[in-house]
Amino acid sequence: MNSVNDYMNKLYQIVDNRDADSLANFLDEDVCFKFSNAEQVTGKMAVLDINRHFFHSIEKMSHTLEGVWQQGTESICNGTVDYIRKDGSHYSARFATILTIKDGLITKYRIYADVSGL
């Protein structure tokens, strides 16, 4: 991909589509994943399993990126994520994501958001 903006937009398009199979193409085999207050998960298959579980726990989600930055191998974005729960109700949260990327693959994937309302 040409830029960190392109990378983040493509990643969040895949996440918003709840497409774990395509997400796999972004992850290093030894990726470390930390989502909100959950325990860190290590390894591509474990990270995909956690994401599949989360994707199935909601009806829909949509991220709006407000800022994207890059500092060395760290790519950072922030914005708002809008969720639709299984019962059709809505929940919005502010988020920030910090990715460590090596050779185009995410080695560290950290998401900071208050998802306690889900």
PDB file of N, CA and C in Angstrom:
ATOM      1  N   MET A   1       0.841  -1.172   0.000  1.00  0.00           N
ATOM      2  CA  MET A   1       0.000   0.000   0.000  1.00  0.00           C
ATOM      3  C   MET A   1       0.888   1.238   0.000  1.00  0.00           C
ATOM      4  N   ASN A   2       0.369   2.293  -0.543  1.00  0.00           N
ATOM      5  CA  ASN A   2       1.182   3.482  -0.752  1.00  0.00           C
ATOM      6  C   ASN A   2       1.418   4.318   0.489  1.00  0.00           C
ATOM      7  N   SER A   3       0.491   4.360   1.400  1.00  0.00           N
ATOM      8  CA  SER A   3       0.651   5.244   2.546  1.00  0.00           C
ATOM      9  C   SER A   3      -0.018   4.643   3.772  1.00  0.00           C
ATOM     10  N   VAL A   4       0.327   5.234   4.913  1.00  0.00           N
ATOM     11  CA  VAL A   4      -0.303   4.802   6.153  1.00  0.00           C
ATOM     12  C   VAL A   4      -1.809   5.064   6.104  1.00  0.00           C
ATOM     13  N   ASN A   5      -2.236   6.137   5.436  1.00  0.00           N
ATOM     14  CA  ASN A   5      -3.678   6.407   5.292  1.00  0.00           C
ATOM     15  C   ASN A   5      -4.361   5.295   4.516  1.00  0.00           C
ATOM     16  N   ASP A   6      -3.757   4.882   3.398  1.00  0.00           N
ATOM     17  CA  ASP A   6      -4.322   3.782   2.608  1.00  0.00           C
ATOM     18  C   ASP A   6      -4.404   2.505   3.435  1.00  0.00           C
ATOM     19  N   TYR A   7      -3.327   2.219   4.166  1.00  0.00           N
ATOM     20  CA  TYR A   7      -3.257   1.013   4.991  1.00  0.00           C
ATOM     21  C   TYR A   7      -4.380   1.011   6.027  1.00  0.00           C
ATOM     22  N   MET A   8      -4.505   2.114   6.769  1.00  0.00           N
ATOM     23  CA  MET A   8      -5.536   2.203   7.814  1.00  0.00           C
ATOM     24  C   MET A   8      -6.943   2.142   7.222  1.00  0.00           C
ATOM     25  N   ASN A   9      -7.164   2.836   6.123  1.00  0.00           N
ATOM     26  CA  ASN A   9      -8.493   2.797   5.504  1.00  0.00           C
ATOM     27  C   ASN A   9      -8.858   1.399   5.052  1.00  0.00           C
ATOM     28  N   LYS A  10      -7.916   0.678   4.446  1.00  0.00           N
ATOM     29  CA  LYS A  10      -8.181  -0.691   4.003  1.00  0.00           C
ATOM     30  C   LYS A  10      -8.417  -1.612   5.206  1.00  0.00           C
ATOM     31  N   LEU A  11      -7.581  -1.470   6.237  1.00  0.00           N
ATOM     32  CA  LEU A  11      -7.743  -2.282   7.445  1.00  0.00           C
ATOM     33  C   LEU A  11      -9.122  -2.072   8.061  1.00  0.00           C
ATOM     34  N   TYR A  12      -9.529  -0.816   8.209  1.00  0.00           N
ATOM     35  CA  TYR A  12     -10.822  -0.559   8.849  1.00  0.00           C
ATOM     36  C   TYR A  12     -12.005  -0.885   7.946  1.00  0.00           C
ATOM     37  N   GLN A  13     -11.815  -0.889   6.653  1.00  0.00           N
ATOM     38  CA  GLN A  13     -12.865  -1.377   5.752  1.00  0.00           C
ATOM     39  C   GLN A  13     -13.085  -2.872   5.999  1.00  0.00           C
ATOM     40  N   ILE A  14     -12.005  -3.615   6.150  1.00  0.00           N
ATOM     41  CA  ILE A  14     -12.083  -5.050   6.424  1.00  0.00           C
ATOM     42  C   ILE A  14     -12.724  -5.301   7.797  1.00  0.00           C
ATOM     43  N   VAL A  15     -12.293  -4.533   8.799  1.00  0.00           N
ATOM     44  CA  VAL A  15     -12.856  -4.682  10.148  1.00  0.00           C
ATOM     45  C   VAL A  15     -14.344  -4.348  10.131  1.00  0.00           C
ATOM     46  N   ASP A  16     -14.715  -3.240   9.481  1.00  0.00           N
ATOM     47  CA  ASP A  16     -16.134  -2.862   9.430  1.00  0.00           C
ATOM     48  C   ASP A  16     -16.972  -3.895   8.685  1.00  0.00           C
ATOM     49  N   ASN A  17     -16.362  -4.594   7.746  1.00  0.00           N
ATOM     50  CA  ASN A  17     -17.054  -5.685   7.042  1.00  0.00           C
ATOM     51  C   ASN A  17     -17.050  -6.973   7.862  1.00  0.00           C
ATOM     52  N   ARG A  18     -16.380  -6.939   9.009  1.00  0.00           N
ATOM     53  CA  ARG A  18     -16.263  -8.093   9.906  1.00  0.00           C
ATOM     54  C   ARG A  18     -15.715  -9.312   9.155  1.00  0.00           C
ATOM     55  N   ASP A  19     -14.665  -9.072   8.391  1.00  0.00           N
ATOM     56  CA  ASP A  19     -14.077 -10.068   7.497  1.00  0.00           C
ATOM     57  C   ASP A  19     -12.747 -10.574   8.062  1.00  0.00           C
ATOM     58  N   ALA A  20     -12.813 -11.567   8.925  1.00  0.00           N
ATOM     59  CA  ALA A  20     -11.606 -12.103   9.562  1.00  0.00           C
ATOM     60  C   ALA A  20     -10.669 -12.747   8.549  1.00  0.00           C
ATOM     61  N   ASP A  21     -11.206 -13.332   7.491  1.00  0.00           N
ATOM     62  CA  ASP A  21     -10.349 -13.965   6.487  1.00  0.00           C
ATOM     63  C   ASP A  21      -9.443 -12.939   5.814  1.00  0.00           C
ATOM     64  N   SER A  22      -9.979 -11.772   5.490  1.00  0.00           N
ATOM     65  CA  SER A  22      -9.159 -10.716   4.888  1.00  0.00           C
ATOM     66  C   SER A  22      -8.242 -10.074   5.922  1.00  0.00           C
ATOM     67  N   LEU A  23      -8.696  -9.987   7.169  1.00  0.00           N
ATOM     68  CA  LEU A  23      -7.859  -9.457   8.228  1.00  0.00           C
ATOM     69  C   LEU A  23      -6.584 -10.284   8.364  1.00  0.00           C
ATOM     70  N   ALA A  24      -6.682 -11.568   8.137  1.00  0.00           N
ATOM     71  CA  ALA A  24      -5.521 -12.462   8.244  1.00  0.00           C
ATOM     72  C   ALA A  24      -4.365 -11.998   7.364  1.00  0.00           C
ATOM     73  N   ASN A  25      -4.674 -11.386   6.228  1.00  0.00           N
ATOM     74  CA  ASN A  25      -3.630 -10.927   5.307  1.00  0.00           C
ATOM     75  C   ASN A  25      -2.817  -9.755   5.855  1.00  0.00           C
ATOM     76  N   PHE A  26      -3.289  -9.129   6.915  1.00  0.00           N
ATOM     77  CA  PHE A  26      -2.600  -7.992   7.525  1.00  0.00           C
ATOM     78  C   PHE A  26      -1.744  -8.393   8.724  1.00  0.00           C
ATOM     79  N   LEU A  27      -1.910  -9.620   9.216  1.00  0.00           N
ATOM     80  CA  LEU A  27      -1.312 -10.019  10.490  1.00  0.00           C
ATOM     81  C   LEU A  27      -0.064 -10.873  10.331  1.00  0.00           C
ATOM     82  N   ASP A  28       0.954 -10.541  11.105  1.00  0.00           N
ATOM     83  CA  ASP A  28       2.149 -11.362  11.226  1.00  0.00           C
ATOM     84  C   ASP A  28       1.782 -12.647  11.986  1.00  0.00           C
ATOM     85  N   GLU A  29       2.499 -13.714  11.757  1.00  0.00           N
ATOM     86  CA  GLU A  29       2.209 -14.985  12.441  1.00  0.00           C
ATOM     87  C   GLU A  29       2.288 -14.852  13.963  1.00  0.00           C
ATOM     88  N   ASP A  30       3.173 -13.987  14.461  1.00  0.00           N
ATOM     89  CA  ASP A  30       3.379 -13.834  15.902  1.00  0.00           C
ATOM     90  C   ASP A  30       2.773 -12.542  16.454  1.00  0.00           C
ATOM     91  N   VAL A  31       1.752 -12.036  15.797  1.00  0.00           N
ATOM     92  CA  VAL A  31       1.137 -10.772  16.195  1.00  0.00           C
ATOM     93  C   VAL A  31       0.668 -10.800  17.650  1.00  0.00           C
ATOM     94  N   CYS A  32       0.845  -9.672  18.335  1.00  0.00           N
ATOM     95  CA  CYS A  32       0.303  -9.473  19.682  1.00  0.00           C
ATOM     96  C   CYS A  32      -0.866  -8.508  19.560  1.00  0.00           C
ATOM     97  N   PHE A  33      -2.004  -8.880  20.131  1.00  0.00           N
ATOM     98  CA  PHE A  33      -3.243  -8.111  19.995  1.00  0.00           C
ATOM     99  C   PHE A  33      -3.786  -7.774  21.368  1.00  0.00           C
ATOM    100  N   LYS A  34      -4.065  -6.494  21.586  1.00  0.00           N
ATOM    101  CA  LYS A  34      -4.638  -6.028  22.851  1.00  0.00           C
ATOM    102  C   LYS A  34      -5.824  -5.150  22.522  1.00  0.00           C
ATOM    103  N   PHE A  35      -7.010  -5.543  22.971  1.00  0.00           N
ATOM    104  CA  PHE A  35      -8.247  -4.804  22.701  1.00  0.00           C
ATOM    105  C   PHE A  35      -8.863  -4.357  24.002  1.00  0.00           C
ATOM    106  N   SER A  36      -8.894  -3.051  24.201  1.00  0.00           N
ATOM    107  CA  SER A  36      -9.519  -2.450  25.367  1.00  0.00           C
ATOM    108  C   SER A  36      -8.936  -3.053  26.642  1.00  0.00           C
ATOM    109  N   ASN A  37      -9.789  -3.511  27.560  1.00  0.00           N
ATOM    110  CA  ASN A  37      -9.306  -4.070  28.826  1.00  0.00           C
ATOM    111  C   ASN A  37      -9.117  -5.584  28.790  1.00  0.00           C
ATOM    112  N   ALA A  38      -9.282  -6.187  27.631  1.00  0.00           N
ATOM    113  CA  ALA A  38      -9.119  -7.642  27.521  1.00  0.00           C
ATOM    114  C   ALA A  38      -7.645  -8.022  27.635  1.00  0.00           C
ATOM    115  N   GLU A  39      -7.410  -9.250  27.973  1.00  0.00           N
ATOM    116  CA  GLU A  39      -6.048  -9.770  28.042  1.00  0.00           C
ATOM    117  C   GLU A  39      -5.415  -9.763  26.651  1.00  0.00           C
ATOM    118  N   GLN A  40      -4.112  -9.572  26.602  1.00  0.00           N
ATOM    119  CA  GLN A  40      -3.391  -9.638  25.335  1.00  0.00           C
ATOM    120  C   GLN A  40      -3.434 -11.055  24.777  1.00  0.00           C
ATOM    121  N   VAL A  41      -3.565 -11.142  23.469  1.00  0.00           N
ATOM    122  CA  VAL A  41      -3.583 -12.425  22.765  1.00  0.00           C
ATOM    123  C   VAL A  41      -2.409 -12.419  21.797  1.00  0.00           C
ATOM    124  N   THR A  42      -1.716 -13.549  21.691  1.00  0.00           N
ATOM    125  CA  THR A  42      -0.557 -13.642  20.813  1.00  0.00           C
ATOM    126  C   THR A  42      -0.752 -14.784  19.822  1.00  0.00           C
ATOM    127  N   GLY A  43      -0.367 -14.519  18.572  1.00  0.00           N
ATOM    128  CA  GLY A  43      -0.445 -15.519  17.511  1.00  0.00           C
ATOM    129  C   GLY A  43      -1.598 -15.233  16.557  1.00  0.00           C
ATOM    130  N   LYS A  44      -1.320 -15.365  15.298  1.00  0.00           N
ATOM    131  CA  LYS A  44      -2.293 -15.019  14.258  1.00  0.00           C
ATOM    132  C   LYS A  44      -3.625 -15.742  14.421  1.00  0.00           C
ATOM    133  N   MET A  45      -3.595 -17.046  14.634  1.00  0.00           N
ATOM    134  CA  MET A  45      -4.846 -17.805  14.729  1.00  0.00           C
ATOM    135  C   MET A  45      -5.655 -17.394  15.959  1.00  0.00           C
ATOM    136  N   ALA A  46      -4.984 -17.156  17.087  1.00  0.00           N
ATOM    137  CA  ALA A  46      -5.681 -16.728  18.298  1.00  0.00           C
ATOM    138  C   ALA A  46      -6.303 -15.347  18.102  1.00  0.00           C
ATOM    139  N   VAL A  47      -5.584 -14.455  17.436  1.00  0.00           N
ATOM    140  CA  VAL A  47      -6.101 -13.109  17.175  1.00  0.00           C
ATOM    141  C   VAL A  47      -7.304 -13.180  16.241  1.00  0.00           C
ATOM    142  N   LEU A  48      -7.238 -14.009  15.235  1.00  0.00           N
ATOM    143  CA  LEU A  48      -8.376 -14.162  14.322  1.00  0.00           C
ATOM    144  C   LEU A  48      -9.578 -14.754  15.052  1.00  0.00           C
ATOM    145  N   ASP A  49      -9.353 -15.724  15.932  1.00  0.00           N
ATOM    146  CA  ASP A  49     -10.457 -16.309  16.703  1.00  0.00           C
ATOM    147  C   ASP A  49     -11.130 -15.262  17.576  1.00  0.00           C
ATOM    148  N   ILE A  50     -10.348 -14.436  18.256  1.00  0.00           N
ATOM    149  CA  ILE A  50     -10.900 -13.368  19.109  1.00  0.00           C
ATOM    150  C   ILE A  50     -11.712 -12.390  18.263  1.00  0.00           C
ATOM    151  N   ASN A  51     -11.177 -12.019  17.108  1.00  0.00           N
ATOM    152  CA  ASN A  51     -11.896 -11.083  16.238  1.00  0.00           C
ATOM    153  C   ASN A  51     -13.175 -11.695  15.694  1.00  0.00           C
ATOM    154  N   ARG A  52     -13.145 -12.953  15.287  1.00  0.00           N
ATOM    155  CA  ARG A  52     -14.371 -13.614  14.814  1.00  0.00           C
ATOM    156  C   ARG A  52     -15.437 -13.608  15.906  1.00  0.00           C
ATOM    157  N   HIS A  53     -15.018 -13.920  17.117  1.00  0.00           N
ATOM    158  CA  HIS A  53     -15.957 -13.929  18.237  1.00  0.00           C
ATOM    159  C   HIS A  53     -16.568 -12.543  18.422  1.00  0.00           C
ATOM    160  N   PHE A  54     -15.736 -11.510  18.416  1.00  0.00           N
ATOM    161  CA  PHE A  54     -16.247 -10.149  18.577  1.00  0.00           C
ATOM    162  C   PHE A  54     -17.156  -9.772  17.415  1.00  0.00           C
ATOM    163  N   PHE A  55     -16.747 -10.077  16.184  1.00  0.00           N
ATOM    164  CA  PHE A  55     -17.551  -9.740  15.011  1.00  0.00           C
ATOM    165  C   PHE A  55     -18.945 -10.353  15.098  1.00  0.00           C
ATOM    166  N   HIS A  56     -19.037 -11.571  15.649  1.00  0.00           N
ATOM    167  CA  HIS A  56     -20.334 -12.242  15.768  1.00  0.00           C
ATOM    168  C   HIS A  56     -21.159 -11.737  16.951  1.00  0.00           C
ATOM    169  N   SER A  57     -20.524 -10.982  17.853  1.00  0.00           N
ATOM    170  CA  SER A  57     -21.241 -10.495  19.033  1.00  0.00           C
ATOM    171  C   SER A  57     -22.013  -9.206  18.762  1.00  0.00           C
ATOM    172  N   ILE A  58     -21.775  -8.600  17.596  1.00  0.00           N
ATOM    173  CA  ILE A  58     -22.452  -7.360  17.224  1.00  0.00           C
ATOM    174  C   ILE A  58     -23.111  -7.533  15.861  1.00  0.00           C
ATOM    175  N   GLU A  59     -24.057  -6.677  15.581  1.00  0.00           N
ATOM    176  CA  GLU A  59     -24.728  -6.721  14.276  1.00  0.00           C
ATOM    177  C   GLU A  59     -23.915  -6.006  13.200  1.00  0.00           C
ATOM    178  N   LYS A  60     -23.313  -4.870  13.601  1.00  0.00           N
ATOM    179  CA  LYS A  60     -22.614  -4.051  12.613  1.00  0.00           C
ATOM    180  C   LYS A  60     -21.717  -3.056  13.336  1.00  0.00           C
ATOM    181  N   MET A  61     -20.686  -2.555  12.643  1.00  0.00           N
ATOM    182  CA  MET A  61     -19.872  -1.468  13.167  1.00  0.00           C
ATOM    183  C   MET A  61     -19.330  -0.643  12.015  1.00  0.00           C
ATOM    184  N   SER A  62     -19.020   0.614  12.339  1.00  0.00           N
ATOM    185  CA  SER A  62     -18.499   1.538  11.334  1.00  0.00           C
ATOM    186  C   SER A  62     -17.526   2.495  11.999  1.00  0.00           C
ATOM    187  N   HIS A  63     -16.294   2.508  11.509  1.00  0.00           N
ATOM    188  CA  HIS A  63     -15.265   3.394  12.039  1.00  0.00           C
ATOM    189  C   HIS A  63     -15.166   4.654  11.186  1.00  0.00           C
ATOM    190  N   THR A  64     -15.017   5.789  11.844  1.00  0.00           N
ATOM    191  CA  THR A  64     -14.723   7.051  11.189  1.00  0.00           C
ATOM    192  C   THR A  64     -13.354   7.493  11.673  1.00  0.00           C
ATOM    193  N   LEU A  65     -12.380   7.478  10.771  1.00  0.00           N
ATOM    194  CA  LEU A  65     -11.022   7.886  11.129  1.00  0.00           C
ATOM    195  C   LEU A  65     -10.934   9.406  11.098  1.00  0.00           C
ATOM    196  N   GLU A  66     -10.366   9.968  12.150  1.00  0.00           N
ATOM    197  CA  GLU A  66     -10.200  11.422  12.222  1.00  0.00           C
ATOM    198  C   GLU A  66      -8.751  11.833  12.022  1.00  0.00           C
ATOM    199  N   GLY A  67      -7.830  11.020  12.471  1.00  0.00           N
ATOM    200  CA  GLY A  67      -6.418  11.324  12.317  1.00  0.00           C
ATOM    201  C   GLY A  67      -5.629  10.060  12.093  1.00  0.00           C
ATOM    202  N   VAL A  68      -4.586  10.160  11.290  1.00  0.00           N
ATOM    203  CA  VAL A  68      -3.699   9.036  11.023  1.00  0.00           C
ATOM    204  C   VAL A  68      -2.272   9.590  11.033  1.00  0.00           C
ATOM    205  N   TRP A  69      -1.381   8.909  11.773  1.00  0.00           N
ATOM    206  CA  TRP A  69       0.007   9.339  11.867  1.00  0.00           C
ATOM    207  C   TRP A  69       0.925   8.140  11.750  1.00  0.00           C
ATOM    208  N   GLN A  70       2.169   8.418  11.405  1.00  0.00           N
ATOM    209  CA  GLN A  70       3.186   7.371  11.372  1.00  0.00           C
ATOM    210  C   GLN A  70       4.446   7.904  12.027  1.00  0.00           C
ATOM    211  N   GLN A  71       5.033   7.070  12.874  1.00  0.00           N
ATOM    212  CA  GLN A  71       6.302   7.388  13.521  1.00  0.00           C
ATOM    213  C   GLN A  71       7.152   6.124  13.457  1.00  0.00           C
ATOM    214  N   GLY A  72       8.073   6.074  12.520  1.00  0.00           N
ATOM    215  CA  GLY A  72       8.884   4.868  12.341  1.00  0.00           C
ATOM    216  C   GLY A  72       8.012   3.700  11.925  1.00  0.00           C
ATOM    217  N   THR A  73       8.050   2.614  12.689  1.00  0.00           N
ATOM    218  CA  THR A  73       7.228   1.437  12.383  1.00  0.00           C
ATOM    219  C   THR A  73       5.859   1.490  13.048  1.00  0.00           C
ATOM    220  N   GLU A  74       5.586   2.573  13.791  1.00  0.00           N
ATOM    221  CA  GLU A  74       4.305   2.721  14.482  1.00  0.00           C
ATOM    222  C   GLU A  74       3.338   3.531  13.618  1.00  0.00           C
ATOM    223  N   SER A  75       2.169   2.978  13.397  1.00  0.00           N
ATOM    224  CA  SER A  75       1.094   3.679  12.700  1.00  0.00           C
ATOM    225  C   SER A  75      -0.049   3.860  13.691  1.00  0.00           C
ATOM    226  N   ILE A  76      -0.573   5.063  13.763  1.00  0.00           N
ATOM    227  CA  ILE A  76      -1.547   5.425  14.787  1.00  0.00           C
ATOM    228  C   ILE A  76      -2.749   6.066  14.116  1.00  0.00           C
ATOM    229  N   CYS A  77      -3.932   5.736  14.611  1.00  0.00           N
ATOM    230  CA  CYS A  77      -5.131   6.423  14.139  1.00  0.00           C
ATOM    231  C   CYS A  77      -6.086   6.602  15.304  1.00  0.00           C
ATOM    232  N   ASN A  78      -6.989   7.544  15.153  1.00  0.00           N
ATOM    233  CA  ASN A  78      -8.033   7.726  16.147  1.00  0.00           C
ATOM    234  C   ASN A  78      -9.316   8.127  15.438  1.00  0.00           C
ATOM    235  N   GLY A  79     -10.408   8.030  16.167  1.00  0.00           N
ATOM    236  CA  GLY A  79     -11.696   8.394  15.593  1.00  0.00           C
ATOM    237  C   GLY A  79     -12.837   7.911  16.447  1.00  0.00           C
ATOM    238  N   THR A  80     -13.943   7.650  15.775  1.00  0.00           N
ATOM    239  CA  THR A  80     -15.162   7.186  16.424  1.00  0.00           C
ATOM    240  C   THR A  80     -15.585   5.872  15.787  1.00  0.00           C
ATOM    241  N   VAL A  81     -16.063   4.967  16.613  1.00  0.00           N
ATOM    242  CA  VAL A  81     -16.630   3.725  16.100  1.00  0.00           C
ATOM    243  C   VAL A  81     -18.091   3.664  16.550  1.00  0.00           C
ATOM    244  N   ASP A  82     -18.961   3.391  15.597  1.00  0.00           N
ATOM    245  CA  ASP A  82     -20.390   3.253  15.861  1.00  0.00           C
ATOM    246  C   ASP A  82     -20.762   1.790  15.722  1.00  0.00           C
ATOM    247  N   TYR A  83     -21.377   1.266  16.775  1.00  0.00           N
ATOM    248  CA  TYR A  83     -21.795  -0.135  16.797  1.00  0.00           C
ATOM    249  C   TYR A  83     -23.306  -0.223  16.727  1.00  0.00           C
ATOM    250  N   ILE A  84     -23.788  -1.280  16.123  1.00  0.00           N
ATOM    251  CA  ILE A  84     -25.184  -1.675  16.242  1.00  0.00           C
ATOM    252  C   ILE A  84     -25.169  -3.037  16.927  1.00  0.00           C
ATOM    253  N   ARG A  85     -25.811  -3.073  18.090  1.00  0.00           N
ATOM    254  CA  ARG A  85     -25.870  -4.319  18.853  1.00  0.00           C
ATOM    255  C   ARG A  85     -26.839  -5.295  18.182  1.00  0.00           C
ATOM    256  N   LYS A  86     -26.821  -6.521  18.624  1.00  0.00           N
ATOM    257  CA  LYS A  86     -27.709  -7.560  18.087  1.00  0.00           C
ATOM    258  C   LYS A  86     -29.182  -7.201  18.255  1.00  0.00           C
ATOM    259  N   ASP A  87     -29.506  -6.411  19.302  1.00  0.00           N
ATOM    260  CA  ASP A  87     -30.906  -6.020  19.528  1.00  0.00           C
ATOM    261  C   ASP A  87     -31.299  -4.782  18.713  1.00  0.00           C
ATOM    262  N   GLY A  88     -30.374  -4.279  17.876  1.00  0.00           N
ATOM    263  CA  GLY A  88     -30.661  -3.131  17.020  1.00  0.00           C
ATOM    264  C   GLY A  88     -30.335  -1.788  17.636  1.00  0.00           C
ATOM    265  N   SER A  89     -29.963  -1.768  18.909  1.00  0.00           N
ATOM    266  CA  SER A  89     -29.621  -0.499  19.553  1.00  0.00           C
ATOM    267  C   SER A  89     -28.201  -0.068  19.169  1.00  0.00           C
ATOM    268  N   HIS A  90     -27.930   1.216  19.363  1.00  0.00           N
ATOM    269  CA  HIS A  90     -26.663   1.803  18.929  1.00  0.00           C
ATOM    270  C   HIS A  90     -25.765   2.142  20.117  1.00  0.00           C
ATOM    271  N   TYR A  91     -24.464   2.099  19.869  1.00  0.00           N
ATOM    272  CA  TYR A  91     -23.461   2.520  20.856  1.00  0.00           C
ATOM    273  C   TYR A  91     -22.287   3.112  20.086  1.00  0.00           C
ATOM    274  N   SER A  92     -21.794   4.251  20.544  1.00  0.00           N
ATOM    275  CA  SER A  92     -20.636   4.894  19.919  1.00  0.00           C
ATOM    276  C   SER A  92     -19.519   5.038  20.937  1.00  0.00           C
ATOM    277  N   ALA A  93     -18.286   4.958  20.470  1.00  0.00           N
ATOM    278  CA  ALA A  93     -17.118   5.122  21.338  1.00  0.00           C
ATOM    279  C   ALA A  93     -15.999   5.799  20.565  1.00  0.00           C
ATOM    280  N   ARG A  94     -15.197   6.541  21.277  1.00  0.00           N
ATOM    281  CA  ARG A  94     -13.966   7.088  20.722  1.00  0.00           C
ATOM    282  C   ARG A  94     -12.926   5.976  20.793  1.00  0.00           C
ATOM    283  N   PHE A  95     -12.010   5.935  19.834  1.00  0.00           N
ATOM    284  CA  PHE A  95     -10.974   4.906  19.849  1.00  0.00           C
ATOM    285  C   PHE A  95      -9.647   5.476  19.370  1.00  0.00           C
ATOM    286  N   ALA A  96      -8.605   4.782  19.733  1.00  0.00           N
ATOM    287  CA  ALA A  96      -7.271   5.015  19.187  1.00  0.00           C
ATOM    288  C   ALA A  96      -6.642   3.647  18.964  1.00  0.00           C
ATOM    289  N   THR A  97      -5.955   3.507  17.857  1.00  0.00           N
ATOM    290  CA  THR A  97      -5.281   2.258  17.522  1.00  0.00           C
ATOM    291  C   THR A  97      -3.819   2.557  17.243  1.00  0.00           C
ATOM    292  N   ILE A  98      -2.955   1.728  17.809  1.00  0.00           N
ATOM    293  CA  ILE A  98      -1.523   1.825  17.544  1.00  0.00           C
ATOM    294  C   ILE A  98      -1.079   0.492  16.968  1.00  0.00           C
ATOM    295  N   LEU A  99      -0.529   0.541  15.774  1.00  0.00           N
ATOM    296  CA  LEU A  99      -0.042  -0.659  15.106  1.00  0.00           C
ATOM    297  C   LEU A  99       1.468  -0.579  14.961  1.00  0.00           C
ATOM    298  N   THR A 100       2.144  -1.679  15.209  1.00  0.00           N
ATOM    299  CA  THR A 100       3.541  -1.812  14.826  1.00  0.00           C
ATOM    300  C   THR A 100       3.543  -2.676  13.582  1.00  0.00           C
ATOM    301  N   ILE A 101       4.125  -2.157  12.518  1.00  0.00           N
ATOM    302  CA  ILE A 101       4.077  -2.826  11.215  1.00  0.00           C
ATOM    303  C   ILE A 101       5.494  -3.109  10.748  1.00  0.00           C
ATOM    304  N   LYS A 102       5.732  -4.341  10.344  1.00  0.00           N
ATOM    305  CA  LYS A 102       7.031  -4.744   9.803  1.00  0.00           C
ATOM    306  C   LYS A 102       6.789  -5.502   8.505  1.00  0.00           C
ATOM    307  N   ASP A 103       7.410  -5.054   7.451  1.00  0.00           N
ATOM    308  CA  ASP A 103       7.265  -5.678   6.127  1.00  0.00           C
ATOM    309  C   ASP A 103       5.798  -5.790   5.719  1.00  0.00           C
ATOM    310  N   GLY A 104       5.010  -4.769   6.064  1.00  0.00           N
ATOM    311  CA  GLY A 104       3.615  -4.710   5.669  1.00  0.00           C
ATOM    312  C   GLY A 104       2.664  -5.488   6.553  1.00  0.00           C
ATOM    313  N   LEU A 105       3.185  -6.178   7.577  1.00  0.00           N
ATOM    314  CA  LEU A 105       2.338  -6.984   8.460  1.00  0.00           C
ATOM    315  C   LEU A 105       2.327  -6.419   9.874  1.00  0.00           C
ATOM    316  N   ILE A 106       1.185  -6.505  10.513  1.00  0.00           N
ATOM    317  CA  ILE A 106       1.027  -6.002  11.867  1.00  0.00           C
ATOM    318  C   ILE A 106       1.646  -6.994  12.853  1.00  0.00           C
ATOM    319  N   THR A 107       2.601  -6.497  13.645  1.00  0.00           N
ATOM    320  CA  THR A 107       3.227  -7.328  14.675  1.00  0.00           C
ATOM    321  C   THR A 107       2.676  -7.015  16.068  1.00  0.00           C
ATOM    322  N   LYS A 108       2.231  -5.768  16.266  1.00  0.00           N
ATOM    323  CA  LYS A 108       1.558  -5.369  17.504  1.00  0.00           C
ATOM    324  C   LYS A 108       0.333  -4.567  17.112  1.00  0.00           C
ATOM    325  N   TYR A 109      -0.798  -4.943  17.705  1.00  0.00           N
ATOM    326  CA  TYR A 109      -2.099  -4.372  17.348  1.00  0.00           C
ATOM    327  C   TYR A 109      -2.778  -3.995  18.654  1.00  0.00           C
ATOM    328  N   ARG A 110      -2.784  -2.699  18.973  1.00  0.00           N
ATOM    329  CA  ARG A 110      -3.340  -2.229  20.236  1.00  0.00           C
ATOM    330  C   ARG A 110      -4.493  -1.279  19.958  1.00  0.00           C
ATOM    331  N   ILE A 111      -5.652  -1.601  20.527  1.00  0.00           N
ATOM    332  CA  ILE A 111      -6.857  -0.788  20.352  1.00  0.00           C
ATOM    333  C   ILE A 111      -7.299  -0.291  21.726  1.00  0.00           C
ATOM    334  N   TYR A 112      -7.487   1.014  21.815  1.00  0.00           N
ATOM    335  CA  TYR A 112      -7.951   1.629  23.051  1.00  0.00           C
ATOM    336  C   TYR A 112      -9.325   2.235  22.798  1.00  0.00           C
ATOM    337  N   ALA A 113     -10.325   1.666  23.466  1.00  0.00           N
ATOM    338  CA  ALA A 113     -11.711   2.136  23.324  1.00  0.00           C
ATOM    339  C   ALA A 113     -12.502   1.645  24.525  1.00  0.00           C
ATOM    340  N   ASP A 114     -13.493   2.412  24.903  1.00  0.00           N
ATOM    341  CA  ASP A 114     -14.393   1.982  25.972  1.00  0.00           C
ATOM    342  C   ASP A 114     -15.564   1.237  25.330  1.00  0.00           C
ATOM    343  N   VAL A 115     -15.472  -0.073  25.352  1.00  0.00           N
ATOM    344  CA  VAL A 115     -16.536  -0.904  24.781  1.00  0.00           C
ATOM    345  C   VAL A 115     -17.396  -1.532  25.875  1.00  0.00           C
ATOM    346  N   SER A 116     -17.296  -0.994  27.089  1.00  0.00           N
ATOM    347  CA  SER A 116     -18.059  -1.541  28.205  1.00  0.00           C
ATOM    348  C   SER A 116     -19.561  -1.431  27.981  1.00  0.00           C
ATOM    349  N   GLY A 117     -19.988  -0.501  27.118  1.00  0.00           N
ATOM    350  CA  GLY A 117     -21.397  -0.335  26.837  1.00  0.00           C
ATOM    351  C   GLY A 117     -21.977  -1.325  25.854  1.00  0.00           C
ATOM    352  N   LEU A 118     -21.123  -2.168  25.310  1.00  0.00           N
ATOM    353  CA  LEU A 118     -21.629  -3.182  24.386  1.00  0.00           C
ATOM    354  C   LEU A 118     -22.203  -4.347  25.164  1.00  0.00           C
TER     355      LEU A 118
END
